[in-house]
Amino acid sequence: MLFVEERKPEEIAKELNCSPQHVYDQRYHALKKLRTELMEEGDGR
């Protein structure tokens, strides 16, 4: 929702009934995992 629909974390939090901080935390972890996967792929693993 955050990236595809370009919605604000506050909007997403309200819809999911969670805190905006939780949305920010999930975004952080998702991007960290994506970076790790892309780095491994770039190393030819």
PDB file of N, CA and C in Angstrom:
ATOM      1  N   MET A   1       0.817  -1.193   0.000  1.00  0.00           N
ATOM      2  CA  MET A   1       0.000   0.000   0.000  1.00  0.00           C
ATOM      3  C   MET A   1       0.860   1.256   0.000  1.00  0.00           C
ATOM      4  N   LEU A   2       1.905   1.207   0.785  1.00  0.00           N
ATOM      5  CA  LEU A   2       2.765   2.376   0.938  1.00  0.00           C
ATOM      6  C   LEU A   2       3.424   2.757  -0.374  1.00  0.00           C
ATOM      7  N   PHE A   3       3.939   1.786  -1.080  1.00  0.00           N
ATOM      8  CA  PHE A   3       4.670   2.072  -2.310  1.00  0.00           C
ATOM      9  C   PHE A   3       3.781   2.012  -3.550  1.00  0.00           C
ATOM     10  N   VAL A   4       2.973   0.996  -3.658  1.00  0.00           N
ATOM     11  CA  VAL A   4       2.157   0.802  -4.855  1.00  0.00           C
ATOM     12  C   VAL A   4       1.052   1.856  -4.944  1.00  0.00           C
ATOM     13  N   GLU A   5       0.346   2.069  -3.854  1.00  0.00           N
ATOM     14  CA  GLU A   5      -0.758   3.020  -3.860  1.00  0.00           C
ATOM     15  C   GLU A   5      -0.331   4.419  -3.433  1.00  0.00           C
ATOM     16  N   GLU A   6       0.932   4.560  -3.057  1.00  0.00           N
ATOM     17  CA  GLU A   6       1.497   5.840  -2.616  1.00  0.00           C
ATOM     18  C   GLU A   6       0.656   6.487  -1.518  1.00  0.00           C
ATOM     19  N   ARG A   7       0.340   5.683  -0.518  1.00  0.00           N
ATOM     20  CA  ARG A   7      -0.456   6.176   0.604  1.00  0.00           C
ATOM     21  C   ARG A   7       0.446   6.537   1.766  1.00  0.00           C
ATOM     22  N   LYS A   8      -0.032   7.413   2.617  1.00  0.00           N
ATOM     23  CA  LYS A   8       0.719   7.839   3.794  1.00  0.00           C
ATOM     24  C   LYS A   8       0.626   6.760   4.875  1.00  0.00           C
ATOM     25  N   PRO A   9       1.701   6.617   5.662  1.00  0.00           N
ATOM     26  CA  PRO A   9       1.683   5.623   6.738  1.00  0.00           C
ATOM     27  C   PRO A   9       0.500   5.804   7.694  1.00  0.00           C
ATOM     28  N   GLU A  10       0.107   7.052   7.933  1.00  0.00           N
ATOM     29  CA  GLU A  10      -1.022   7.305   8.830  1.00  0.00           C
ATOM     30  C   GLU A  10      -2.327   6.730   8.269  1.00  0.00           C
ATOM     31  N   GLU A  11      -2.513   6.828   6.967  1.00  0.00           N
ATOM     32  CA  GLU A  11      -3.712   6.265   6.324  1.00  0.00           C
ATOM     33  C   GLU A  11      -3.720   4.744   6.446  1.00  0.00           C
ATOM     34  N   ILE A  12      -2.569   4.157   6.192  1.00  0.00           N
ATOM     35  CA  ILE A  12      -2.445   2.696   6.250  1.00  0.00           C
ATOM     36  C   ILE A  12      -2.684   2.209   7.670  1.00  0.00           C
ATOM     37  N   ALA A  13      -2.102   2.902   8.643  1.00  0.00           N
ATOM     38  CA  ALA A  13      -2.264   2.520  10.045  1.00  0.00           C
ATOM     39  C   ALA A  13      -3.731   2.547  10.454  1.00  0.00           C
ATOM     40  N   LYS A  14      -4.431   3.563  10.020  1.00  0.00           N
ATOM     41  CA  LYS A  14      -5.855   3.665  10.357  1.00  0.00           C
ATOM     42  C   LYS A  14      -6.630   2.497   9.762  1.00  0.00           C
ATOM     43  N   GLU A  15      -6.347   2.163   8.512  1.00  0.00           N
ATOM     44  CA  GLU A  15      -7.050   1.060   7.850  1.00  0.00           C
ATOM     45  C   GLU A  15      -6.727  -0.285   8.498  1.00  0.00           C
ATOM     46  N   LEU A  16      -5.473  -0.462   8.919  1.00  0.00           N
ATOM     47  CA  LEU A  16      -5.050  -1.739   9.509  1.00  0.00           C
ATOM     48  C   LEU A  16      -5.231  -1.786  11.022  1.00  0.00           C
ATOM     49  N   ASN A  17      -5.722  -0.677  11.584  1.00  0.00           N
ATOM     50  CA  ASN A  17      -5.939  -0.586  13.030  1.00  0.00           C
ATOM     51  C   ASN A  17      -4.645  -0.846  13.811  1.00  0.00           C
ATOM     52  N   CYS A  18      -3.592  -0.144  13.410  1.00  0.00           N
ATOM     53  CA  CYS A  18      -2.313  -0.235  14.107  1.00  0.00           C
ATOM     54  C   CYS A  18      -1.718   1.172  14.186  1.00  0.00           C
ATOM     55  N   SER A  19      -0.586   1.293  14.829  1.00  0.00           N
ATOM     56  CA  SER A  19       0.037   2.611  14.965  1.00  0.00           C
ATOM     57  C   SER A  19       0.830   2.965  13.703  1.00  0.00           C
ATOM     58  N   PRO A  20       0.952   4.257  13.430  1.00  0.00           N
ATOM     59  CA  PRO A  20       1.797   4.671  12.309  1.00  0.00           C
ATOM     60  C   PRO A  20       3.235   4.177  12.477  1.00  0.00           C
ATOM     61  N   GLN A  21       3.716   4.116  13.719  1.00  0.00           N
ATOM     62  CA  GLN A  21       5.074   3.635  13.963  1.00  0.00           C
ATOM     63  C   GLN A  21       5.234   2.198  13.493  1.00  0.00           C
ATOM     64  N   HIS A  22       4.207   1.391  13.674  1.00  0.00           N
ATOM     65  CA  HIS A  22       4.254  -0.004  13.210  1.00  0.00           C
ATOM     66  C   HIS A  22       4.417  -0.056  11.689  1.00  0.00           C
ATOM     67  N   VAL A  23       3.717   0.823  10.988  1.00  0.00           N
ATOM     68  CA  VAL A  23       3.823   0.881   9.527  1.00  0.00           C
ATOM     69  C   VAL A  23       5.243   1.271   9.132  1.00  0.00           C
ATOM     70  N   TYR A  24       5.806   2.276   9.821  1.00  0.00           N
ATOM     71  CA  TYR A  24       7.183   2.690   9.541  1.00  0.00           C
ATOM     72  C   TYR A  24       8.159   1.551   9.821  1.00  0.00           C
ATOM     73  N   ASP A  25       7.951   0.833  10.924  1.00  0.00           N
ATOM     74  CA  ASP A  25       8.833  -0.286  11.273  1.00  0.00           C
ATOM     75  C   ASP A  25       8.773  -1.389  10.217  1.00  0.00           C
ATOM     76  N   GLN A  26       7.575  -1.714   9.762  1.00  0.00           N
ATOM     77  CA  GLN A  26       7.417  -2.748   8.741  1.00  0.00           C
ATOM     78  C   GLN A  26       8.086  -2.335   7.438  1.00  0.00           C
ATOM     79  N   ARG A  27       7.969  -1.058   7.092  1.00  0.00           N
ATOM     80  CA  ARG A  27       8.627  -0.554   5.875  1.00  0.00           C
ATOM     81  C   ARG A  27      10.142  -0.700   6.013  1.00  0.00           C
ATOM     82  N   TYR A  28      10.666  -0.351   7.175  1.00  0.00           N
ATOM     83  CA  TYR A  28      12.111  -0.452   7.420  1.00  0.00           C
ATOM     84  C   TYR A  28      12.588  -1.896   7.225  1.00  0.00           C
ATOM     85  N   HIS A  29      11.885  -2.830   7.838  1.00  0.00           N
ATOM     86  CA  HIS A  29      12.307  -4.235   7.757  1.00  0.00           C
ATOM     87  C   HIS A  29      12.160  -4.789   6.337  1.00  0.00           C
ATOM     88  N   ALA A  30      11.105  -4.382   5.643  1.00  0.00           N
ATOM     89  CA  ALA A  30      10.909  -4.846   4.264  1.00  0.00           C
ATOM     90  C   ALA A  30      12.015  -4.332   3.354  1.00  0.00           C
ATOM     91  N   LEU A  31      12.374  -3.058   3.501  1.00  0.00           N
ATOM     92  CA  LEU A  31      13.435  -2.492   2.666  1.00  0.00           C
ATOM     93  C   LEU A  31      14.792  -3.106   2.996  1.00  0.00           C
ATOM     94  N   LYS A  32      15.018  -3.375   4.280  1.00  0.00           N
ATOM     95  CA  LYS A  32      16.275  -4.010   4.691  1.00  0.00           C
ATOM     96  C   LYS A  32      16.397  -5.402   4.065  1.00  0.00           C
ATOM     97  N   LYS A  33      15.312  -6.163   4.092  1.00  0.00           N
ATOM     98  CA  LYS A  33      15.315  -7.504   3.497  1.00  0.00           C
ATOM     99  C   LYS A  33      15.518  -7.421   1.986  1.00  0.00           C
ATOM    100  N   LEU A  34      14.861  -6.474   1.338  1.00  0.00           N
ATOM    101  CA  LEU A  34      15.005  -6.301  -0.102  1.00  0.00           C
ATOM    102  C   LEU A  34      16.442  -5.949  -0.471  1.00  0.00           C
ATOM    103  N   ARG A  35      17.057  -5.040   0.297  1.00  0.00           N
ATOM    104  CA  ARG A  35      18.451  -4.669   0.034  1.00  0.00           C
ATOM    105  C   ARG A  35      19.368  -5.874   0.165  1.00  0.00           C
ATOM    106  N   THR A  36      19.150  -6.673   1.194  1.00  0.00           N
ATOM    107  CA  THR A  36      19.964  -7.867   1.416  1.00  0.00           C
ATOM    108  C   THR A  36      19.820  -8.839   0.249  1.00  0.00           C
ATOM    109  N   GLU A  37      18.591  -9.083  -0.166  1.00  0.00           N
ATOM    110  CA  GLU A  37      18.339  -9.997  -1.286  1.00  0.00           C
ATOM    111  C   GLU A  37      18.994  -9.485  -2.567  1.00  0.00           C
ATOM    112  N   LEU A  38      18.888  -8.199  -2.823  1.00  0.00           N
ATOM    113  CA  LEU A  38      19.475  -7.635  -4.036  1.00  0.00           C
ATOM    114  C   LEU A  38      21.001  -7.684  -4.001  1.00  0.00           C
ATOM    115  N   MET A  39      21.579  -7.471  -2.829  1.00  0.00           N
ATOM    116  CA  MET A  39      23.034  -7.538  -2.701  1.00  0.00           C
ATOM    117  C   MET A  39      23.520  -8.967  -2.944  1.00  0.00           C
ATOM    118  N   GLU A  40      22.802  -9.947  -2.399  1.00  0.00           N
ATOM    119  CA  GLU A  40      23.180 -11.345  -2.608  1.00  0.00           C
ATOM    120  C   GLU A  40      23.055 -11.722  -4.078  1.00  0.00           C
ATOM    121  N   GLU A  41      22.015 -11.251  -4.718  1.00  0.00           N
ATOM    122  CA  GLU A  41      21.815 -11.534  -6.136  1.00  0.00           C
ATOM    123  C   GLU A  41      22.916 -10.889  -6.970  1.00  0.00           C
ATOM    124  N   GLY A  42      23.319  -9.701  -6.586  1.00  0.00           N
ATOM    125  CA  GLY A  42      24.373  -8.986  -7.300  1.00  0.00           C
ATOM    126  C   GLY A  42      25.736  -9.638  -7.141  1.00  0.00           C
ATOM    127  N   ASP A  43      25.908 -10.397  -6.040  1.00  0.00           N
ATOM    128  CA  ASP A  43      27.172 -11.094  -5.799  1.00  0.00           C
ATOM    129  C   ASP A  43      27.237 -12.417  -6.553  1.00  0.00           C
ATOM    130  N   GLY A  44      26.177 -12.764  -7.261  1.00  0.00           N
ATOM    131  CA  GLY A  44      26.162 -14.005  -8.025  1.00  0.00           C
ATOM    132  C   GLY A  44      25.856 -15.228  -7.199  1.00  0.00           C
ATOM    133  N   ARG A  45      25.218 -15.049  -6.061  1.00  0.00           N
ATOM    134  CA  ARG A  45      24.883 -16.185  -5.192  1.00  0.00           C
ATOM    135  C   ARG A  45      23.586 -16.811  -5.576  1.00  0.00           C
TER     136      ARG A  45
END
